[in-house]
Amino acid sequence: MTKETKDEAQTSVTLVAQRARVAARALARLPSECRTEILMAAAQTIEDAGNEILEANARDCRAAETSVAAGSMSSATFARLRVTKQGIAQMAAHVRGVAQLPDPLGKRLAATELDDGLVLYKESCPLGVIGIVFESRPDAVPQVAALALKSGNAIILKGGAEAAHTNEALVSVWRKCLSRFPSVPQDSIHLLLTRSDVKDLLEQDRFVDLIIPRGSQAFVRFVSQNSKIPVLGHGEGICHVYVDQAADIEKAIAISLDSKVQYPAACNSAETLLVHEAIASEFLPRGIATLRNAGVEVRVCARSRALLGKDGSLEATEKDWETEYSDLILSVKIVSNLEEAMAHIHRYGSGHTETIVTENAEAAKQFLDEIDAAGVFHNASTRFSDGFRYGFGSELGISTNKLHARGPMGLEGLTTYKYKLYGNGQTVAAYAKGEKKFKHRRLE
């Protein structure tokens, strides 16, 4: 690329970001009823354009099959790429779910009477312009578009090249719906098309308020290291199921199976199974047999191998404890007690989602209180860590950060707040001189 061509491309992304900023201000003024009406229309438009979306996805999948055969694309990535008729219905359902959520904007979060006739309000408002860079999963387009519109934010999307046709079809369908509503600028959603656009997007700190990367750990790290814009995301989903000595065996088998097998490509699927030594001889033979029957490749620690004998399990290495497989592979380790299980999780976990299976309420409380992760569960599959399942309507991604948003990121994660001060001619000088005193009375 010549310098002139590069400058032209960067200018193009800058214009997109500038227009998105203008569009975001228009979205912030839309009444709640209008945003809800648009989202319900968008859901119907997705269903009406189902064949068009499936045809575009078929083109992407045909190209991807070659990559899978060549070994340059994993089966897990291919699974995230594919869209089905059921997937179209789920996209529409997610959009309707977001439409029916309470309005996140203009919520009075606090009110303080500073003095007579001087009242300070804290109210929720949109972030502004959100850049979302994601890989493989085209169903992210309607999910994030719905959340952005509901929360009054403009979005700039950049999907992976493997889903280019599907992403373009989905954004085209969304913009087609927006064209029926003159009050909504079509610049409130834009799809970037080239890899070089990503770097240019990361430089738009004047116009873009937040970047959300959805992809591999290396990809998230690249985004974080190459932008002045705040970045919110998670690098890995190394999740654990811990089967305590007081676990119900049937629950433990069902939860371990669901956490690994229900959708192994997801970031909230389990990668390591930790088992208390007191229950290992009873649980492991049945648990591993069930997992293996579901097609899971099991990699076990030395203690597990000694217990199980030559059952065909592979030996786990240090690398297995720190690997996000995103596939039907599970590492297994016997631990001596709850403290060892928690120490393992804190050493190798990614702060995403961890679960304990136990009938001991005290052990469960200790696990939930002490494990440092965005999601900590008791007697439930790690797969519940999801915005839709949490009742957020949908999610932009799952954050393992501790500032602003943590866990599945829904509407609240796309809002910030402002302070509105209503006065009647007051000045600071009178308070500085001691002529007046603040009341600082919290109002209901």
Protein backbone atom coordinates (compact mmCIF):
# COMPACT_ATOMS: atom_id res chain seq x y z
CA MET A 1 0.00 0.00 0.00
CA THR A 2 1.42 3.41 -0.98
CA LYS A 3 1.51 6.26 1.54
CA GLU A 4 -1.26 8.04 -0.39
CA THR A 5 -3.48 4.94 -0.37
CA LYS A 6 -2.81 4.41 3.35
CA ASP A 7 -3.65 8.02 4.17
CA GLU A 8 -6.84 7.74 2.12
CA ALA A 9 -7.87 4.56 3.94
CA GLN A 10 -7.19 6.12 7.33
CA THR A 11 -9.16 9.21 6.36
CA SER A 12 -12.05 6.94 5.39
CA VAL A 13 -12.08 5.31 8.83
CA THR A 14 -11.81 8.74 10.44
CA LEU A 15 -14.87 9.90 8.50
CA VAL A 16 -16.76 6.79 9.61
CA ALA A 17 -15.84 7.55 13.22
CA GLN A 18 -16.81 11.22 12.88
CA ARG A 19 -20.20 10.31 11.42
CA ALA A 20 -20.71 7.72 14.12
CA ARG A 21 -20.13 10.44 16.73
CA VAL A 22 -22.83 12.61 15.15
CA ALA A 23 -25.17 9.62 14.91
CA ALA A 24 -24.57 8.74 18.57
CA ARG A 25 -25.77 12.16 19.65
CA ALA A 26 -28.94 11.67 17.62
CA LEU A 27 -29.51 8.22 19.14
CA ALA A 28 -29.14 9.63 22.65
CA ARG A 29 -32.09 11.93 21.98
CA LEU A 30 -34.44 9.17 20.83
CA PRO A 31 -37.35 8.38 23.16
CA SER A 32 -37.35 4.92 24.71
CA GLU A 33 -40.54 3.97 22.84
CA CYS A 34 -38.89 4.79 19.51
CA ARG A 35 -35.80 2.66 20.24
CA THR A 36 -38.02 -0.24 21.26
CA GLU A 37 -40.14 0.07 18.11
CA ILE A 38 -37.04 0.04 15.90
CA LEU A 39 -35.67 -3.07 17.59
CA MET A 40 -38.93 -4.97 17.18
CA ALA A 41 -38.90 -4.02 13.50
CA ALA A 42 -35.26 -5.12 13.20
CA ALA A 43 -36.08 -8.55 14.63
CA GLN A 44 -38.81 -9.03 12.05
CA THR A 45 -36.52 -7.83 9.26
CA ILE A 46 -33.91 -10.44 10.25
CA GLU A 47 -36.52 -13.19 10.04
CA ASP A 48 -37.81 -11.89 6.69
CA ALA A 49 -34.27 -11.83 5.29
CA GLY A 50 -33.41 -15.30 6.63
CA ASN A 51 -32.74 -16.85 3.21
CA GLU A 52 -30.53 -13.95 2.20
CA ILE A 53 -28.47 -14.32 5.39
CA LEU A 54 -28.20 -18.11 5.02
CA GLU A 55 -27.04 -17.79 1.41
CA ALA A 56 -24.31 -15.35 2.44
CA ASN A 57 -23.26 -17.67 5.27
CA ALA A 58 -23.14 -20.64 2.89
CA ARG A 59 -20.58 -18.76 0.79
CA ASP A 60 -18.44 -18.15 3.87
CA CYS A 61 -18.75 -21.78 4.98
CA ARG A 62 -17.77 -23.15 1.57
CA ALA A 63 -14.60 -21.07 1.67
CA ALA A 64 -13.95 -22.05 5.29
CA GLU A 65 -14.22 -25.79 4.55
CA THR A 66 -11.02 -25.51 2.53
CA SER A 67 -9.28 -23.87 5.52
CA VAL A 68 -10.52 -26.59 7.87
CA ALA A 69 -9.27 -29.29 5.52
CA ALA A 70 -5.89 -27.54 5.28
CA GLY A 71 -5.68 -27.27 9.08
CA SER A 72 -5.60 -23.46 9.11
CA MET A 73 -9.05 -23.22 10.72
CA SER A 74 -10.17 -25.29 13.72
CA SER A 75 -13.45 -27.15 13.83
CA ALA A 76 -14.43 -24.95 16.79
CA THR A 77 -13.96 -21.79 14.73
CA PHE A 78 -15.96 -23.32 11.90
CA ALA A 79 -18.77 -24.16 14.34
CA ARG A 80 -18.92 -20.51 15.45
CA LEU A 81 -19.08 -19.41 11.82
CA ARG A 82 -22.04 -21.50 10.70
CA VAL A 83 -25.55 -19.99 10.76
CA THR A 84 -28.67 -22.17 10.61
CA LYS A 85 -32.40 -21.49 10.36
CA GLN A 86 -32.55 -21.99 14.09
CA GLY A 87 -29.72 -19.48 14.41
CA ILE A 88 -31.74 -16.90 12.47
CA ALA A 89 -34.64 -17.41 14.87
CA GLN A 90 -32.28 -17.02 17.84
CA MET A 91 -30.87 -13.79 16.40
CA ALA A 92 -34.38 -12.35 16.15
CA ALA A 93 -35.25 -13.61 19.63
CA HIS A 94 -32.18 -11.91 21.10
CA VAL A 95 -33.11 -8.61 19.45
CA ARG A 96 -36.68 -8.86 20.78
CA GLY A 97 -35.28 -9.71 24.21
CA VAL A 98 -33.22 -6.53 24.21
CA ALA A 99 -36.20 -4.49 22.98
CA GLN A 100 -38.27 -5.62 25.96
CA LEU A 101 -35.66 -4.69 28.57
CA PRO A 102 -36.16 -1.55 30.69
CA ASP A 103 -34.70 1.64 29.25
CA PRO A 104 -31.13 1.98 30.60
CA LEU A 105 -30.94 5.72 29.86
CA GLY A 106 -31.98 8.64 32.04
CA LYS A 107 -32.10 6.50 35.19
CA ARG A 108 -31.66 8.59 38.32
CA LEU A 109 -28.86 6.83 40.18
CA ALA A 110 -28.53 9.30 43.05
CA ALA A 111 -29.82 12.68 44.20
CA THR A 112 -28.17 14.99 46.72
CA GLU A 113 -29.38 18.34 48.05
CA LEU A 114 -26.16 20.32 48.34
CA ASP A 115 -28.00 23.30 49.80
CA ASP A 116 -31.38 25.00 49.55
CA GLY A 117 -32.23 25.23 45.86
CA LEU A 118 -29.03 23.46 44.82
CA VAL A 119 -29.66 19.81 43.88
CA LEU A 120 -27.23 17.37 42.24
CA TYR A 121 -28.53 14.40 40.22
CA LYS A 122 -26.52 11.43 38.93
CA GLU A 123 -28.13 9.99 35.78
CA SER A 124 -27.25 7.23 33.32
CA CYS A 125 -26.36 8.13 29.74
CA PRO A 126 -24.79 6.45 26.66
CA LEU A 127 -21.05 5.95 26.27
CA GLY A 128 -21.18 7.30 22.69
CA VAL A 129 -19.33 5.38 19.96
CA ILE A 130 -18.31 1.74 20.46
CA GLY A 131 -15.84 -0.10 18.26
CA ILE A 132 -16.31 -3.87 18.27
CA VAL A 133 -13.72 -6.13 16.65
CA PHE A 134 -14.68 -9.79 16.62
CA GLU A 135 -13.75 -13.09 15.00
CA SER A 136 -15.84 -15.84 13.43
CA ARG A 137 -19.24 -15.36 15.09
CA PRO A 138 -21.62 -13.48 12.77
CA ASP A 139 -24.43 -13.77 15.33
CA ALA A 140 -22.53 -11.09 17.23
CA VAL A 141 -23.75 -8.49 14.70
CA PRO A 142 -27.45 -8.38 15.65
CA GLN A 143 -26.62 -8.91 19.32
CA VAL A 144 -24.33 -5.91 19.62
CA ALA A 145 -26.40 -3.80 17.22
CA ALA A 146 -29.47 -4.33 19.40
CA LEU A 147 -27.66 -3.52 22.64
CA ALA A 148 -26.06 -0.44 21.11
CA LEU A 149 -29.34 0.94 19.76
CA LYS A 150 -31.22 0.25 23.01
CA SER A 151 -28.52 2.08 24.98
CA GLY A 152 -28.24 4.99 22.53
CA ASN A 153 -24.75 4.19 21.23
CA ALA A 154 -23.38 4.13 17.69
CA ILE A 155 -21.23 1.13 16.73
CA ILE A 156 -18.40 0.47 14.32
CA LEU A 157 -17.97 -3.26 13.62
CA LYS A 158 -15.07 -5.22 12.19
CA GLY A 159 -15.61 -8.94 11.83
CA GLY A 160 -13.24 -11.65 10.73
CA ALA A 161 -12.61 -12.21 7.03
CA GLU A 162 -13.97 -15.77 7.34
CA ALA A 163 -17.47 -14.33 7.99
CA ALA A 164 -17.28 -11.37 5.61
CA HIS A 165 -20.34 -12.21 3.46
CA THR A 166 -22.52 -13.06 6.46
CA ASN A 167 -21.54 -9.92 8.34
CA GLU A 168 -22.19 -7.72 5.32
CA ALA A 169 -25.61 -9.31 4.84
CA LEU A 170 -26.55 -8.78 8.49
CA VAL A 171 -25.41 -5.15 8.57
CA SER A 172 -27.20 -4.51 5.26
CA VAL A 173 -30.41 -5.96 6.72
CA TRP A 174 -30.04 -3.82 9.84
CA ARG A 175 -29.43 -0.62 7.86
CA LYS A 176 -32.38 -1.45 5.62
CA CYS A 177 -34.57 -1.53 8.71
CA LEU A 178 -33.13 1.77 10.00
CA SER A 179 -33.93 3.44 6.66
CA ARG A 180 -37.64 3.18 7.56
CA PHE A 181 -37.07 5.43 10.58
CA PRO A 182 -35.93 8.94 9.55
CA SER A 183 -35.01 9.84 13.13
CA VAL A 184 -32.25 7.21 13.20
CA PRO A 185 -29.06 7.92 11.24
CA GLN A 186 -27.81 4.93 9.27
CA ASP A 187 -24.33 5.99 10.36
CA SER A 188 -25.22 4.61 13.80
CA ILE A 189 -23.92 1.26 12.52
CA HIS A 190 -21.02 0.71 10.16
CA LEU A 191 -19.02 -2.33 9.09
CA LEU A 192 -15.31 -2.02 8.35
CA LEU A 193 -14.06 -4.42 5.72
CA THR A 194 -10.27 -4.68 5.73
CA ARG A 195 -7.65 -5.72 8.24
CA SER A 196 -5.88 -2.37 7.90
CA ASP A 197 -9.13 -0.71 9.03
CA VAL A 198 -8.65 -2.23 12.48
CA LYS A 199 -5.39 -0.37 13.10
CA ASP A 200 -6.96 2.85 11.83
CA LEU A 201 -9.97 2.32 14.10
CA LEU A 202 -7.69 1.91 17.11
CA GLU A 203 -6.31 5.40 16.42
CA GLN A 204 -9.70 7.13 16.58
CA ASP A 205 -9.49 8.15 20.23
CA ARG A 206 -11.09 11.53 19.41
CA PHE A 207 -14.32 9.90 18.24
CA VAL A 208 -14.50 6.36 19.65
CA ASP A 209 -15.18 5.90 23.37
CA LEU A 210 -14.64 2.17 23.85
CA ILE A 211 -13.16 -0.79 21.97
CA ILE A 212 -14.48 -4.29 22.65
CA PRO A 213 -12.33 -7.06 21.13
CA ARG A 214 -13.81 -10.56 20.92
CA GLY A 215 -11.25 -13.18 19.97
CA SER A 216 -8.08 -14.94 21.04
CA GLN A 217 -5.86 -13.84 23.90
CA ALA A 218 -3.19 -12.71 21.43
CA PHE A 219 -5.77 -10.69 19.51
CA VAL A 220 -7.11 -8.95 22.63
CA ARG A 221 -3.55 -8.18 23.74
CA PHE A 222 -2.78 -6.68 20.31
CA VAL A 223 -5.81 -4.40 20.53
CA SER A 224 -4.94 -3.29 24.08
CA GLN A 225 -1.34 -2.53 23.18
CA ASN A 226 -2.15 -0.58 20.03
CA SER A 227 -4.83 1.88 21.12
CA LYS A 228 -5.27 4.85 23.43
CA ILE A 229 -8.99 4.06 23.50
CA PRO A 230 -10.20 2.17 26.61
CA VAL A 231 -10.41 -1.57 25.83
CA LEU A 232 -12.87 -3.93 27.48
CA GLY A 233 -12.72 -7.67 26.89
CA HIS A 234 -11.29 -10.97 27.97
CA GLY A 235 -8.28 -12.75 26.58
CA GLU A 236 -9.11 -16.31 27.53
CA GLY A 237 -11.88 -18.48 28.95
CA ILE A 238 -10.05 -21.04 31.07
CA CYS A 239 -12.95 -22.20 33.23
CA HIS A 240 -12.96 -24.93 35.90
CA VAL A 241 -15.45 -27.35 37.41
CA TYR A 242 -14.46 -28.37 40.94
CA VAL A 243 -16.11 -31.55 42.26
CA ASP A 244 -15.95 -31.30 46.04
CA GLN A 245 -15.83 -34.24 48.45
CA ALA A 246 -19.46 -33.49 49.38
CA ALA A 247 -20.68 -33.45 45.78
CA ASP A 248 -23.76 -35.27 44.57
CA ILE A 249 -22.30 -37.67 41.99
CA GLU A 250 -25.20 -37.37 39.54
CA LYS A 251 -25.10 -33.57 39.68
CA ALA A 252 -21.33 -33.62 39.24
CA ILE A 253 -21.53 -35.80 36.13
CA ALA A 254 -24.32 -33.71 34.57
CA ILE A 255 -22.60 -30.39 35.30
CA SER A 256 -19.18 -31.58 34.08
CA LEU A 257 -20.74 -32.91 30.87
CA ASP A 258 -22.77 -29.78 30.14
CA SER A 259 -19.89 -27.44 30.98
CA LYS A 260 -17.64 -29.18 28.43
CA VAL A 261 -19.92 -30.66 25.76
CA GLN A 262 -22.96 -28.38 25.38
CA TYR A 263 -20.93 -25.94 23.24
CA PRO A 264 -17.18 -26.58 23.57
CA ALA A 265 -16.21 -23.68 21.31
CA ALA A 266 -17.65 -21.11 23.74
CA CYS A 267 -15.41 -19.14 26.08
CA ASN A 268 -17.51 -20.27 29.07
CA SER A 269 -17.02 -24.00 28.46
CA ALA A 270 -14.93 -25.85 31.05
CA GLU A 271 -11.32 -26.67 30.23
CA THR A 272 -10.24 -28.32 33.49
CA LEU A 273 -12.04 -30.66 35.90
CA LEU A 274 -10.74 -30.61 39.47
CA VAL A 275 -11.78 -33.50 41.76
CA HIS A 276 -11.39 -33.85 45.53
CA GLU A 277 -9.34 -36.93 46.40
CA ALA A 278 -12.03 -38.22 48.78
CA ILE A 279 -14.56 -38.60 45.98
CA ALA A 280 -12.22 -39.32 43.06
CA SER A 281 -12.47 -43.14 43.16
CA GLU A 282 -16.26 -42.96 43.04
CA PHE A 283 -16.68 -40.07 40.62
CA LEU A 284 -13.85 -40.29 38.10
CA PRO A 285 -14.53 -43.70 36.48
CA ARG A 286 -18.18 -42.80 35.82
CA GLY A 287 -17.52 -39.16 35.01
CA ILE A 288 -14.72 -39.82 32.55
CA ALA A 289 -16.66 -42.66 30.88
CA THR A 290 -19.59 -40.28 30.36
CA LEU A 291 -17.35 -37.58 28.93
CA ARG A 292 -15.56 -40.02 26.67
CA ASN A 293 -18.87 -41.38 25.36
CA ALA A 294 -19.71 -37.79 24.39
CA GLY A 295 -16.52 -37.61 22.31
CA VAL A 296 -14.32 -35.78 24.82
CA GLU A 297 -10.57 -36.39 24.79
CA VAL A 298 -9.50 -36.61 28.44
CA ARG A 299 -6.02 -35.66 29.69
CA VAL A 300 -5.36 -36.69 33.30
CA CYS A 301 -2.84 -35.92 36.04
CA ALA A 302 -0.51 -38.59 37.49
CA ARG A 303 -2.79 -39.24 40.48
CA SER A 304 -5.80 -39.71 38.18
CA ARG A 305 -3.82 -42.07 35.97
CA ALA A 306 -2.80 -44.15 39.00
CA LEU A 307 -6.43 -44.40 40.04
CA LEU A 308 -7.86 -45.14 36.60
CA GLY A 309 -5.14 -47.43 35.33
CA LYS A 310 -4.65 -47.90 31.59
CA ASP A 311 -8.04 -46.59 30.45
CA GLY A 312 -6.73 -44.82 27.35
CA SER A 313 -6.56 -41.33 28.88
CA LEU A 314 -3.65 -39.13 27.82
CA GLU A 315 -1.29 -37.71 30.42
CA ALA A 316 -1.80 -34.03 31.17
CA THR A 317 1.18 -31.69 31.03
CA GLU A 318 1.78 -28.28 32.58
CA LYS A 319 0.66 -26.69 29.32
CA ASP A 320 -2.78 -28.34 29.59
CA TRP A 321 -3.63 -26.44 32.79
CA GLU A 322 -3.09 -23.13 31.00
CA THR A 323 -4.75 -23.96 27.68
CA GLU A 324 -8.14 -22.86 26.41
CA TYR A 325 -8.98 -25.80 24.13
CA SER A 326 -12.30 -24.49 22.77
CA ASP A 327 -12.81 -28.08 21.67
CA LEU A 328 -13.84 -31.49 23.02
CA ILE A 329 -10.73 -31.78 25.19
CA LEU A 330 -10.70 -31.69 28.99
CA SER A 331 -7.84 -31.85 31.49
CA VAL A 332 -8.48 -33.58 34.84
CA LYS A 333 -6.65 -33.17 38.14
CA ILE A 334 -7.16 -34.69 41.60
CA VAL A 335 -6.67 -32.20 44.45
CA SER A 336 -6.28 -32.84 48.17
CA ASN A 337 -8.77 -30.25 49.39
CA LEU A 338 -10.78 -27.13 48.57
CA GLU A 339 -7.80 -24.86 49.24
CA GLU A 340 -5.69 -26.70 46.64
CA ALA A 341 -8.51 -26.45 44.12
CA MET A 342 -8.81 -22.70 44.67
CA ALA A 343 -5.04 -22.26 44.47
CA HIS A 344 -5.02 -24.08 41.11
CA ILE A 345 -7.85 -21.89 39.80
CA HIS A 346 -6.12 -18.70 40.90
CA ARG A 347 -2.89 -19.81 39.25
CA TYR A 348 -4.28 -21.00 35.92
CA GLY A 349 -7.78 -19.53 35.62
CA SER A 350 -8.54 -16.51 33.45
CA GLY A 351 -11.02 -14.86 35.82
CA HIS A 352 -13.94 -15.84 33.60
CA THR A 353 -16.21 -18.46 35.23
CA GLU A 354 -15.64 -21.10 37.90
CA THR A 355 -18.09 -23.57 39.49
CA ILE A 356 -18.12 -25.81 42.56
CA VAL A 357 -20.26 -28.94 42.83
CA THR A 358 -21.01 -29.68 46.48
CA GLU A 359 -23.79 -30.24 49.00
CA ASN A 360 -21.67 -28.56 51.69
CA ALA A 361 -23.04 -25.03 52.10
CA GLU A 362 -19.94 -23.86 53.99
CA ALA A 363 -17.58 -25.07 51.23
CA ALA A 364 -19.78 -23.46 48.59
CA LYS A 365 -19.76 -20.14 50.44
CA GLN A 366 -15.99 -20.18 50.81
CA PHE A 367 -15.57 -20.94 47.10
CA LEU A 368 -17.99 -18.22 45.99
CA ASP A 369 -16.52 -15.65 48.39
CA GLU A 370 -12.84 -16.31 47.71
CA ILE A 371 -12.58 -17.23 44.02
CA ASP A 372 -11.60 -14.15 42.00
CA ALA A 373 -13.61 -14.46 38.78
CA ALA A 374 -16.37 -12.62 36.96
CA GLY A 375 -18.71 -15.59 37.47
CA VAL A 376 -18.60 -17.96 40.46
CA PHE A 377 -21.27 -20.70 40.54
CA HIS A 378 -22.55 -23.35 42.91
CA ASN A 379 -24.02 -26.58 41.49
CA ALA A 380 -24.48 -25.10 38.02
CA SER A 381 -22.82 -25.41 34.63
CA THR A 382 -20.23 -22.81 33.59
CA ARG A 383 -22.29 -22.41 30.41
CA PHE A 384 -24.78 -20.24 32.31
CA SER A 385 -22.25 -17.40 32.12
CA ASP A 386 -24.01 -15.62 29.28
CA GLY A 387 -25.84 -12.32 28.84
CA PHE A 388 -28.96 -13.88 27.37
CA ARG A 389 -29.16 -16.46 30.17
CA TYR A 390 -28.56 -13.75 32.78
CA GLY A 391 -31.59 -11.88 31.46
CA PHE A 392 -29.60 -9.10 29.76
CA GLY A 393 -31.33 -9.82 26.44
CA SER A 394 -27.95 -10.36 24.82
CA GLU A 395 -24.30 -9.45 25.39
CA LEU A 396 -21.43 -7.67 23.70
CA GLY A 397 -18.95 -10.04 25.21
CA ILE A 398 -17.70 -11.16 28.60
CA SER A 399 -15.32 -8.91 30.49
CA THR A 400 -12.78 -10.19 32.98
CA ASN A 401 -11.79 -6.62 33.79
CA LYS A 402 -12.72 -5.23 37.19
CA LEU A 403 -13.39 -1.63 36.18
CA HIS A 404 -16.63 -0.41 34.56
CA ALA A 405 -18.10 -3.77 33.52
CA ARG A 406 -17.42 -7.35 34.58
CA GLY A 407 -18.86 -10.64 33.35
CA PRO A 408 -21.45 -10.76 30.52
CA MET A 409 -21.67 -7.20 29.26
CA GLY A 410 -25.21 -6.06 28.55
CA LEU A 411 -26.96 -2.71 28.50
CA GLU A 412 -25.52 -1.37 31.74
CA GLY A 413 -22.01 -1.96 30.45
CA LEU A 414 -22.78 0.38 27.54
CA THR A 415 -23.85 3.24 29.76
CA THR A 416 -21.98 5.69 31.92
CA TYR A 417 -23.38 8.56 33.94
CA LYS A 418 -23.30 12.31 34.21
CA TYR A 419 -23.96 14.74 37.04
CA LYS A 420 -26.73 17.30 36.56
CA LEU A 421 -26.66 20.23 38.96
CA TYR A 422 -29.75 22.45 39.29
CA GLY A 423 -29.18 25.76 41.03
CA ASN A 424 -30.63 29.24 41.42
CA GLY A 425 -27.71 31.61 41.05
CA GLN A 426 -25.44 30.07 43.71
CA THR A 427 -21.69 30.68 43.56
CA VAL A 428 -18.78 28.87 45.22
CA ALA A 429 -17.38 32.08 46.79
CA ALA A 430 -20.10 32.19 49.44
CA TYR A 431 -19.18 28.67 50.62
CA ALA A 432 -15.43 29.35 50.45
CA LYS A 433 -15.87 32.40 52.71
CA GLY A 434 -18.01 30.47 55.17
CA GLU A 435 -21.10 32.56 54.49
CA LYS A 436 -22.98 29.40 53.52
CA LYS A 437 -22.59 25.73 54.44
CA PHE A 438 -23.35 22.61 52.43
CA LYS A 439 -26.14 20.30 53.61
CA HIS A 440 -25.18 17.27 51.48
CA ARG A 441 -28.54 15.67 52.20
CA ARG A 442 -29.18 12.46 50.27
CA LEU A 443 -32.61 12.49 48.60
CA GLU A 444 -34.75 9.45 47.80
